[in-house]
């Protein structure tokens, strides 16, 4: 939850600084609103791609770490290969 909130706060700050130029009005202009929409969408898509790669690599990293520490086999509850990781499309 903490990591999610950090990513959300960074995204909000980055898009706000990039898109909102005039603080004299209470409402966003059409240009600011469309800029914020596209900025947030870009960052969310990038985050999804990164998390997909992370989920795909995590079983191999855990197996390597277990082998380094002398633990036999793979950790329970993890797929045998990255191809079987749920939620990747």
PDB file of N, CA and C in Angstrom:
ATOM      1  N   UNK A   1       0.830  -1.189   0.000  1.00  0.00           N
ATOM      2  CA  UNK A   1       0.000   0.000   0.000  1.00  0.00           C
ATOM      3  C   UNK A   1       0.875   1.254   0.000  1.00  0.00           C
ATOM      4  N   UNK A   2       1.956   1.195   0.764  1.00  0.00           N
ATOM      5  CA  UNK A   2       2.859   2.346   0.835  1.00  0.00           C
ATOM      6  C   UNK A   2       3.471   2.630  -0.535  1.00  0.00           C
ATOM      7  N   UNK A   3       3.920   1.572  -1.213  1.00  0.00           N
ATOM      8  CA  UNK A   3       4.522   1.748  -2.536  1.00  0.00           C
ATOM      9  C   UNK A   3       3.508   2.294  -3.530  1.00  0.00           C
ATOM     10  N   UNK A   4       2.274   1.796  -3.463  1.00  0.00           N
ATOM     11  CA  UNK A   4       1.227   2.303  -4.345  1.00  0.00           C
ATOM     12  C   UNK A   4       1.005   3.791  -4.109  1.00  0.00           C
ATOM     13  N   UNK A   5       0.935   4.191  -2.854  1.00  0.00           N
ATOM     14  CA  UNK A   5       0.709   5.605  -2.544  1.00  0.00           C
ATOM     15  C   UNK A   5       1.882   6.473  -2.983  1.00  0.00           C
ATOM     16  N   UNK A   6       3.096   5.969  -2.846  1.00  0.00           N
ATOM     17  CA  UNK A   6       4.262   6.727  -3.314  1.00  0.00           C
ATOM     18  C   UNK A   6       4.221   6.927  -4.826  1.00  0.00           C
ATOM     19  N   UNK A   7       3.893   5.857  -5.560  1.00  0.00           N
ATOM     20  CA  UNK A   7       3.797   5.963  -7.022  1.00  0.00           C
ATOM     21  C   UNK A   7       2.688   6.939  -7.409  1.00  0.00           C
ATOM     22  N   UNK A   8       1.548   6.830  -6.748  1.00  0.00           N
ATOM     23  CA  UNK A   8       0.421   7.713  -7.036  1.00  0.00           C
ATOM     24  C   UNK A   8       0.791   9.173  -6.756  1.00  0.00           C
ATOM     25  N   UNK A   9       1.444   9.439  -5.627  1.00  0.00           N
ATOM     26  CA  UNK A   9       1.835  10.806  -5.294  1.00  0.00           C
ATOM     27  C   UNK A   9       2.858  11.365  -6.274  1.00  0.00           C
ATOM     28  N   UNK A  10       3.819  10.549  -6.674  1.00  0.00           N
ATOM     29  CA  UNK A  10       4.817  11.010  -7.654  1.00  0.00           C
ATOM     30  C   UNK A  10       4.171  11.299  -9.000  1.00  0.00           C
ATOM     31  N   UNK A  11       3.269  10.416  -9.416  1.00  0.00           N
ATOM     32  CA  UNK A  11       2.573  10.613 -10.684  1.00  0.00           C
ATOM     33  C   UNK A  11       1.754  11.903 -10.643  1.00  0.00           C
ATOM     34  N   UNK A  12       1.032  12.114  -9.554  1.00  0.00           N
ATOM     35  CA  UNK A  12       0.212  13.312  -9.414  1.00  0.00           C
ATOM     36  C   UNK A  12       1.069  14.568  -9.482  1.00  0.00           C
ATOM     37  N   UNK A  13       2.159  14.572  -8.756  1.00  0.00           N
ATOM     38  CA  UNK A  13       3.032  15.749  -8.742  1.00  0.00           C
ATOM     39  C   UNK A  13       3.664  15.990 -10.110  1.00  0.00           C
ATOM     40  N   UNK A  14       4.148  14.934 -10.742  1.00  0.00           N
ATOM     41  CA  UNK A  14       4.788  15.075 -12.056  1.00  0.00           C
ATOM     42  C   UNK A  14       3.806  15.618 -13.094  1.00  0.00           C
ATOM     43  N   UNK A  15       2.623  15.022 -13.161  1.00  0.00           N
ATOM     44  CA  UNK A  15       1.636  15.464 -14.148  1.00  0.00           C
ATOM     45  C   UNK A  15       1.140  16.879 -13.841  1.00  0.00           C
ATOM     46  N   UNK A  16       0.946  17.201 -12.572  1.00  0.00           N
ATOM     47  CA  UNK A  16       0.500  18.542 -12.203  1.00  0.00           C
ATOM     48  C   UNK A  16       1.527  19.583 -12.627  1.00  0.00           C
ATOM     49  N   UNK A  17       2.805  19.343 -12.309  1.00  0.00           N
ATOM     50  CA  UNK A  17       3.863  20.298 -12.686  1.00  0.00           C
ATOM     51  C   UNK A  17       3.992  20.435 -14.196  1.00  0.00           C
ATOM     52  N   UNK A  18       3.776  19.331 -14.899  1.00  0.00           N
ATOM     53  CA  UNK A  18       3.926  19.351 -16.353  1.00  0.00           C
ATOM     54  C   UNK A  18       2.743  20.035 -17.051  1.00  0.00           C
ATOM     55  N   UNK A  19       1.539  19.861 -16.520  1.00  0.00           N
ATOM     56  CA  UNK A  19       0.341  20.268 -17.259  1.00  0.00           C
ATOM     57  C   UNK A  19      -0.334  21.543 -16.757  1.00  0.00           C
ATOM     58  N   UNK A  20      -0.270  21.823 -15.486  1.00  0.00           N
ATOM     59  CA  UNK A  20      -1.008  22.970 -14.942  1.00  0.00           C
ATOM     60  C   UNK A  20      -0.069  24.167 -14.857  1.00  0.00           C
ATOM     61  N   UNK A  21      -0.395  25.202 -15.642  1.00  0.00           N
ATOM     62  CA  UNK A  21       0.485  26.366 -15.690  1.00  0.00           C
ATOM     63  C   UNK A  21      -0.104  27.599 -15.007  1.00  0.00           C
ATOM     64  N   UNK A  22      -1.404  27.644 -14.880  1.00  0.00           N
ATOM     65  CA  UNK A  22      -2.046  28.836 -14.360  1.00  0.00           C
ATOM     66  C   UNK A  22      -2.891  28.478 -13.136  1.00  0.00           C
ATOM     67  N   UNK A  23      -2.496  29.014 -11.982  1.00  0.00           N
ATOM     68  CA  UNK A  23      -3.212  28.714 -10.746  1.00  0.00           C
ATOM     69  C   UNK A  23      -4.197  29.827 -10.367  1.00  0.00           C
ATOM     70  N   UNK A  24      -4.512  30.710 -11.304  1.00  0.00           N
ATOM     71  CA  UNK A  24      -5.421  31.825 -11.032  1.00  0.00           C
ATOM     72  C   UNK A  24      -6.885  31.427 -11.101  1.00  0.00           C
ATOM     73  N   UNK A  25      -7.179  30.218 -11.598  1.00  0.00           N
ATOM     74  CA  UNK A  25      -8.560  29.792 -11.763  1.00  0.00           C
ATOM     75  C   UNK A  25      -8.822  28.538 -10.944  1.00  0.00           C
ATOM     76  N   UNK A  26     -10.040  28.420 -10.489  1.00  0.00           N
ATOM     77  CA  UNK A  26     -10.417  27.276  -9.669  1.00  0.00           C
ATOM     78  C   UNK A  26     -10.506  25.989 -10.494  1.00  0.00           C
ATOM     79  N   UNK A  27     -10.976  26.091 -11.723  1.00  0.00           N
ATOM     80  CA  UNK A  27     -11.158  24.928 -12.594  1.00  0.00           C
ATOM     81  C   UNK A  27     -10.009  24.813 -13.589  1.00  0.00           C
ATOM     82  N   UNK A  28      -9.814  23.601 -14.070  1.00  0.00           N
ATOM     83  CA  UNK A  28      -8.796  23.361 -15.103  1.00  0.00           C
ATOM     84  C   UNK A  28      -9.310  23.820 -16.451  1.00  0.00           C
ATOM     85  N   UNK A  29      -8.412  24.252 -17.304  1.00  0.00           N
ATOM     86  CA  UNK A  29      -8.785  24.546 -18.683  1.00  0.00           C
ATOM     87  C   UNK A  29      -8.900  23.223 -19.431  1.00  0.00           C
ATOM     88  N   UNK A  30      -9.490  23.249 -20.592  1.00  0.00           N
ATOM     89  CA  UNK A  30      -9.601  22.039 -21.404  1.00  0.00           C
ATOM     90  C   UNK A  30      -8.251  21.469 -21.765  1.00  0.00           C
ATOM     91  N   UNK A  31      -7.311  22.351 -22.071  1.00  0.00           N
ATOM     92  CA  UNK A  31      -5.963  21.905 -22.433  1.00  0.00           C
ATOM     93  C   UNK A  31      -5.271  21.238 -21.242  1.00  0.00           C
ATOM     94  N   UNK A  32      -5.404  21.837 -20.066  1.00  0.00           N
ATOM     95  CA  UNK A  32      -4.796  21.254 -18.870  1.00  0.00           C
ATOM     96  C   UNK A  32      -5.410  19.887 -18.551  1.00  0.00           C
ATOM     97  N   UNK A  33      -6.714  19.801 -18.682  1.00  0.00           N
ATOM     98  CA  UNK A  33      -7.403  18.546 -18.380  1.00  0.00           C
ATOM     99  C   UNK A  33      -6.971  17.430 -19.330  1.00  0.00           C
ATOM    100  N   UNK A  34      -6.889  17.722 -20.622  1.00  0.00           N
ATOM    101  CA  UNK A  34      -6.466  16.687 -21.570  1.00  0.00           C
ATOM    102  C   UNK A  34      -5.001  16.323 -21.365  1.00  0.00           C
ATOM    103  N   UNK A  35      -4.185  17.302 -21.010  1.00  0.00           N
ATOM    104  CA  UNK A  35      -2.776  17.023 -20.720  1.00  0.00           C
ATOM    105  C   UNK A  35      -2.656  16.098 -19.513  1.00  0.00           C
ATOM    106  N   UNK A  36      -3.419  16.377 -18.461  1.00  0.00           N
ATOM    107  CA  UNK A  36      -3.393  15.536 -17.263  1.00  0.00           C
ATOM    108  C   UNK A  36      -3.879  14.125 -17.560  1.00  0.00           C
ATOM    109  N   UNK A  37      -4.925  14.007 -18.370  1.00  0.00           N
ATOM    110  CA  UNK A  37      -5.440  12.685 -18.731  1.00  0.00           C
ATOM    111  C   UNK A  37      -4.389  11.866 -19.471  1.00  0.00           C
ATOM    112  N   UNK A  38      -3.749  12.473 -20.451  1.00  0.00           N
ATOM    113  CA  UNK A  38      -2.758  11.723 -21.230  1.00  0.00           C
ATOM    114  C   UNK A  38      -1.503  11.438 -20.403  1.00  0.00           C
ATOM    115  N   UNK A  39      -1.113  12.373 -19.557  1.00  0.00           N
ATOM    116  CA  UNK A  39       0.060  12.165 -18.696  1.00  0.00           C
ATOM    117  C   UNK A  39      -0.180  10.995 -17.744  1.00  0.00           C
ATOM    118  N   UNK A  40      -1.314  11.000 -17.075  1.00  0.00           N
ATOM    119  CA  UNK A  40      -1.632   9.921 -16.138  1.00  0.00           C
ATOM    120  C   UNK A  40      -1.754   8.586 -16.866  1.00  0.00           C
ATOM    121  N   UNK A  41      -2.378   8.573 -18.018  1.00  0.00           N
ATOM    122  CA  UNK A  41      -2.533   7.331 -18.784  1.00  0.00           C
ATOM    123  C   UNK A  41      -1.172   6.770 -19.189  1.00  0.00           C
ATOM    124  N   UNK A  42      -0.270   7.638 -19.625  1.00  0.00           N
ATOM    125  CA  UNK A  42       1.082   7.203 -20.006  1.00  0.00           C
ATOM    126  C   UNK A  42       1.801   6.571 -18.820  1.00  0.00           C
ATOM    127  N   UNK A  43       1.738   7.231 -17.671  1.00  0.00           N
ATOM    128  CA  UNK A  43       2.437   6.722 -16.502  1.00  0.00           C
ATOM    129  C   UNK A  43       1.811   5.429 -15.976  1.00  0.00           C
ATOM    130  N   UNK A  44       0.503   5.309 -16.040  1.00  0.00           N
ATOM    131  CA  UNK A  44      -0.159   4.080 -15.605  1.00  0.00           C
ATOM    132  C   UNK A  44       0.224   2.924 -16.526  1.00  0.00           C
ATOM    133  N   UNK A  45       0.238   3.165 -17.841  1.00  0.00           N
ATOM    134  CA  UNK A  45       0.652   2.108 -18.784  1.00  0.00           C
ATOM    135  C   UNK A  45       2.093   1.689 -18.534  1.00  0.00           C
ATOM    136  N   UNK A  46       2.972   2.649 -18.296  1.00  0.00           N
ATOM    137  CA  UNK A  46       4.372   2.326 -18.020  1.00  0.00           C
ATOM    138  C   UNK A  46       4.493   1.520 -16.730  1.00  0.00           C
ATOM    139  N   UNK A  47       3.729   1.892 -15.717  1.00  0.00           N
ATOM    140  CA  UNK A  47       3.761   1.164 -14.457  1.00  0.00           C
ATOM    141  C   UNK A  47       3.261  -0.271 -14.639  1.00  0.00           C
ATOM    142  N   UNK A  48       2.218  -0.458 -15.441  1.00  0.00           N
ATOM    143  CA  UNK A  48       1.701  -1.806 -15.709  1.00  0.00           C
ATOM    144  C   UNK A  48       2.748  -2.661 -16.420  1.00  0.00           C
ATOM    145  N   UNK A  49       3.453  -2.075 -17.382  1.00  0.00           N
ATOM    146  CA  UNK A  49       4.502  -2.830 -18.080  1.00  0.00           C
ATOM    147  C   UNK A  49       5.624  -3.215 -17.121  1.00  0.00           C
ATOM    148  N   UNK A  50       6.034  -2.280 -16.269  1.00  0.00           N
ATOM    149  CA  UNK A  50       7.096  -2.576 -15.311  1.00  0.00           C
ATOM    150  C   UNK A  50       6.671  -3.655 -14.323  1.00  0.00           C
ATOM    151  N   UNK A  51       5.447  -3.576 -13.827  1.00  0.00           N
ATOM    152  CA  UNK A  51       4.971  -4.578 -12.883  1.00  0.00           C
ATOM    153  C   UNK A  51       4.830  -5.939 -13.556  1.00  0.00           C
ATOM    154  N   UNK A  52       4.439  -5.965 -14.816  1.00  0.00           N
ATOM    155  CA  UNK A  52       4.360  -7.223 -15.551  1.00  0.00           C
ATOM    156  C   UNK A  52       5.725  -7.872 -15.683  1.00  0.00           C
ATOM    157  N   UNK A  53       6.739  -7.066 -15.984  1.00  0.00           N
ATOM    158  CA  UNK A  53       8.099  -7.591 -16.080  1.00  0.00           C
ATOM    159  C   UNK A  53       8.580  -8.081 -14.714  1.00  0.00           C
ATOM    160  N   UNK A  54       8.269  -7.346 -13.678  1.00  0.00           N
ATOM    161  CA  UNK A  54       8.664  -7.723 -12.318  1.00  0.00           C
ATOM    162  C   UNK A  54       8.032  -9.049 -11.916  1.00  0.00           C
ATOM    163  N   UNK A  55       6.742  -9.196 -12.175  1.00  0.00           N
ATOM    164  CA  UNK A  55       6.036 -10.440 -11.836  1.00  0.00           C
ATOM    165  C   UNK A  55       6.623 -11.607 -12.636  1.00  0.00           C
ATOM    166  N   UNK A  56       6.997 -11.355 -13.875  1.00  0.00           N
ATOM    167  CA  UNK A  56       7.581 -12.413 -14.696  1.00  0.00           C
ATOM    168  C   UNK A  56       8.963 -12.836 -14.234  1.00  0.00           C
ATOM    169  N   UNK A  57       9.740 -11.916 -13.686  1.00  0.00           N
ATOM    170  CA  UNK A  57      11.102 -12.221 -13.262  1.00  0.00           C
ATOM    171  C   UNK A  57      11.189 -12.693 -11.810  1.00  0.00           C
ATOM    172  N   UNK A  58      10.197 -12.401 -11.022  1.00  0.00           N
ATOM    173  CA  UNK A  58      10.259 -12.692  -9.593  1.00  0.00           C
ATOM    174  C   UNK A  58      10.470 -14.164  -9.266  1.00  0.00           C
ATOM    175  N   UNK A  59       9.785 -15.130  -9.891  1.00  0.00           N
ATOM    176  CA  UNK A  59      10.039 -16.543  -9.549  1.00  0.00           C
ATOM    177  C   UNK A  59      11.497 -16.948  -9.770  1.00  0.00           C
ATOM    178  N   UNK A  60      12.106 -16.499 -10.862  1.00  0.00           N
ATOM    179  CA  UNK A  60      13.505 -16.844 -11.124  1.00  0.00           C
ATOM    180  C   UNK A  60      14.426 -16.210 -10.083  1.00  0.00           C
ATOM    181  N   UNK A  61      14.137 -14.984  -9.693  1.00  0.00           N
ATOM    182  CA  UNK A  61      14.954 -14.333  -8.668  1.00  0.00           C
ATOM    183  C   UNK A  61      14.835 -15.048  -7.323  1.00  0.00           C
ATOM    184  N   UNK A  62      13.622 -15.466  -6.968  1.00  0.00           N
ATOM    185  CA  UNK A  62      13.437 -16.187  -5.711  1.00  0.00           C
ATOM    186  C   UNK A  62      14.124 -17.538  -5.735  1.00  0.00           C
ATOM    187  N   UNK A  63      14.091 -18.230  -6.882  1.00  0.00           N
ATOM    188  CA  UNK A  63      14.780 -19.512  -6.999  1.00  0.00           C
ATOM    189  C   UNK A  63      16.287 -19.332  -6.852  1.00  0.00           C
ATOM    190  N   UNK A  64      16.821 -18.292  -7.489  1.00  0.00           N
ATOM    191  CA  UNK A  64      18.264 -18.038  -7.404  1.00  0.00           C
ATOM    192  C   UNK A  64      18.657 -17.700  -5.965  1.00  0.00           C
ATOM    193  N   UNK A  65      17.851 -16.879  -5.301  1.00  0.00           N
ATOM    194  CA  UNK A  65      18.134 -16.511  -3.909  1.00  0.00           C
ATOM    195  C   UNK A  65      18.057 -17.741  -3.005  1.00  0.00           C
ATOM    196  N   UNK A  66      17.082 -18.623  -3.248  1.00  0.00           N
ATOM    197  CA  UNK A  66      16.957 -19.838  -2.448  1.00  0.00           C
ATOM    198  C   UNK A  66      18.162 -20.749  -2.675  1.00  0.00           C
ATOM    199  N   UNK A  67      18.630 -20.828  -3.916  1.00  0.00           N
ATOM    200  CA  UNK A  67      19.791 -21.662  -4.215  1.00  0.00           C
ATOM    201  C   UNK A  67      21.053 -21.106  -3.549  1.00  0.00           C
ATOM    202  N   UNK A  68      21.187 -19.796  -3.504  1.00  0.00           N
ATOM    203  CA  UNK A  68      22.349 -19.185  -2.861  1.00  0.00           C
ATOM    204  C   UNK A  68      22.365 -19.441  -1.357  1.00  0.00           C
ATOM    205  N   UNK A  69      21.184 -19.528  -0.757  1.00  0.00           N
ATOM    206  CA  UNK A  69      21.097 -19.748   0.682  1.00  0.00           C
ATOM    207  C   UNK A  69      20.979 -21.220   1.039  1.00  0.00           C
ATOM    208  N   UNK A  70      21.039 -22.087   0.039  1.00  0.00           N
ATOM    209  CA  UNK A  70      21.043 -23.522   0.282  1.00  0.00           C
ATOM    210  C   UNK A  70      19.680 -24.144   0.508  1.00  0.00           C
ATOM    211  N   UNK A  71      18.620 -23.425   0.237  1.00  0.00           N
ATOM    212  CA  UNK A  71      17.277 -23.984   0.396  1.00  0.00           C
ATOM    213  C   UNK A  71      16.949 -24.828  -0.826  1.00  0.00           C
ATOM    214  N   UNK A  72      16.438 -26.065  -0.631  1.00  0.00           N
ATOM    215  CA  UNK A  72      16.117 -26.919  -1.783  1.00  0.00           C
ATOM    216  C   UNK A  72      14.822 -26.496  -2.456  1.00  0.00           C
ATOM    217  N   UNK A  73      14.776 -26.664  -3.776  1.00  0.00           N
ATOM    218  CA  UNK A  73      13.539 -26.438  -4.545  1.00  0.00           C
ATOM    219  C   UNK A  73      13.151 -24.981  -4.642  1.00  0.00           C
ATOM    220  N   UNK A  74      11.978 -24.808  -5.224  1.00  0.00           N
ATOM    221  CA  UNK A  74      11.455 -23.453  -5.390  1.00  0.00           C
ATOM    222  C   UNK A  74      10.512 -23.118  -4.244  1.00  0.00           C
ATOM    223  N   UNK A  75      10.326 -21.825  -3.959  1.00  0.00           N
ATOM    224  CA  UNK A  75       9.388 -21.448  -2.903  1.00  0.00           C
ATOM    225  C   UNK A  75       7.977 -21.888  -3.255  1.00  0.00           C
ATOM    226  N   UNK A  76       7.223 -22.338  -2.252  1.00  0.00           N
ATOM    227  CA  UNK A  76       5.871 -22.813  -2.507  1.00  0.00           C
ATOM    228  C   UNK A  76       4.957 -21.661  -2.863  1.00  0.00           C
ATOM    229  N   UNK A  77       3.947 -21.959  -3.676  1.00  0.00           N
ATOM    230  CA  UNK A  77       2.966 -20.952  -4.041  1.00  0.00           C
ATOM    231  C   UNK A  77       3.349 -20.130  -5.255  1.00  0.00           C
ATOM    232  N   UNK A  78       4.530 -20.342  -5.803  1.00  0.00           N
ATOM    233  CA  UNK A  78       4.945 -19.600  -6.983  1.00  0.00           C
ATOM    234  C   UNK A  78       4.882 -20.500  -8.207  1.00  0.00           C
ATOM    235  N   UNK A  79       4.559 -19.932  -9.378  1.00  0.00           N
ATOM    236  CA  UNK A  79       4.530 -20.737 -10.592  1.00  0.00           C
ATOM    237  C   UNK A  79       5.922 -21.261 -10.946  1.00  0.00           C
ATOM    238  N   UNK A  80       5.961 -22.380 -11.632  1.00  0.00           N
ATOM    239  CA  UNK A  80       7.235 -22.996 -12.005  1.00  0.00           C
ATOM    240  C   UNK A  80       7.986 -22.182 -13.044  1.00  0.00           C
ATOM    241  N   UNK A  81       7.271 -21.427 -13.864  1.00  0.00           N
ATOM    242  CA  UNK A  81       7.923 -20.622 -14.887  1.00  0.00           C
ATOM    243  C   UNK A  81       7.202 -19.293 -15.010  1.00  0.00           C
ATOM    244  N   UNK A  82       7.906 -18.248 -15.527  1.00  0.00           N
ATOM    245  CA  UNK A  82       7.260 -16.937 -15.679  1.00  0.00           C
ATOM    246  C   UNK A  82       6.062 -16.977 -16.620  1.00  0.00           C
ATOM    247  N   UNK A  83       5.996 -17.968 -17.542  1.00  0.00           N
ATOM    248  CA  UNK A  83       4.891 -18.039 -18.483  1.00  0.00           C
ATOM    249  C   UNK A  83       3.565 -18.336 -17.791  1.00  0.00           C
ATOM    250  N   UNK A  84       3.630 -18.956 -16.610  1.00  0.00           N
ATOM    251  CA  UNK A  84       2.418 -19.342 -15.903  1.00  0.00           C
ATOM    252  C   UNK A  84       1.972 -18.311 -14.878  1.00  0.00           C
ATOM    253  N   UNK A  85       2.656 -17.170 -14.806  1.00  0.00           N
ATOM    254  CA  UNK A  85       2.295 -16.152 -13.827  1.00  0.00           C
ATOM    255  C   UNK A  85       0.918 -15.588 -14.141  1.00  0.00           C
ATOM    256  N   UNK A  86       0.006 -15.554 -13.152  1.00  0.00           N
ATOM    257  CA  UNK A  86      -1.349 -15.065 -13.393  1.00  0.00           C
ATOM    258  C   UNK A  86      -1.365 -13.561 -13.600  1.00  0.00           C
ATOM    259  N   UNK A  87      -2.340 -13.113 -14.367  1.00  0.00           N
ATOM    260  CA  UNK A  87      -2.562 -11.681 -14.535  1.00  0.00           C
ATOM    261  C   UNK A  87      -1.759 -11.029 -15.631  1.00  0.00           C
ATOM    262  N   UNK A  88      -0.932 -11.772 -16.352  1.00  0.00           N
ATOM    263  CA  UNK A  88      -0.168 -11.168 -17.439  1.00  0.00           C
ATOM    264  C   UNK A  88      -0.872 -11.438 -18.750  1.00  0.00           C
ATOM    265  N   UNK A  89      -1.135 -10.379 -19.482  1.00  0.00           N
ATOM    266  CA  UNK A  89      -1.783 -10.539 -20.777  1.00  0.00           C
ATOM    267  C   UNK A  89      -1.116  -9.658 -21.791  1.00  0.00           C
TER     268      UNK A  89
END
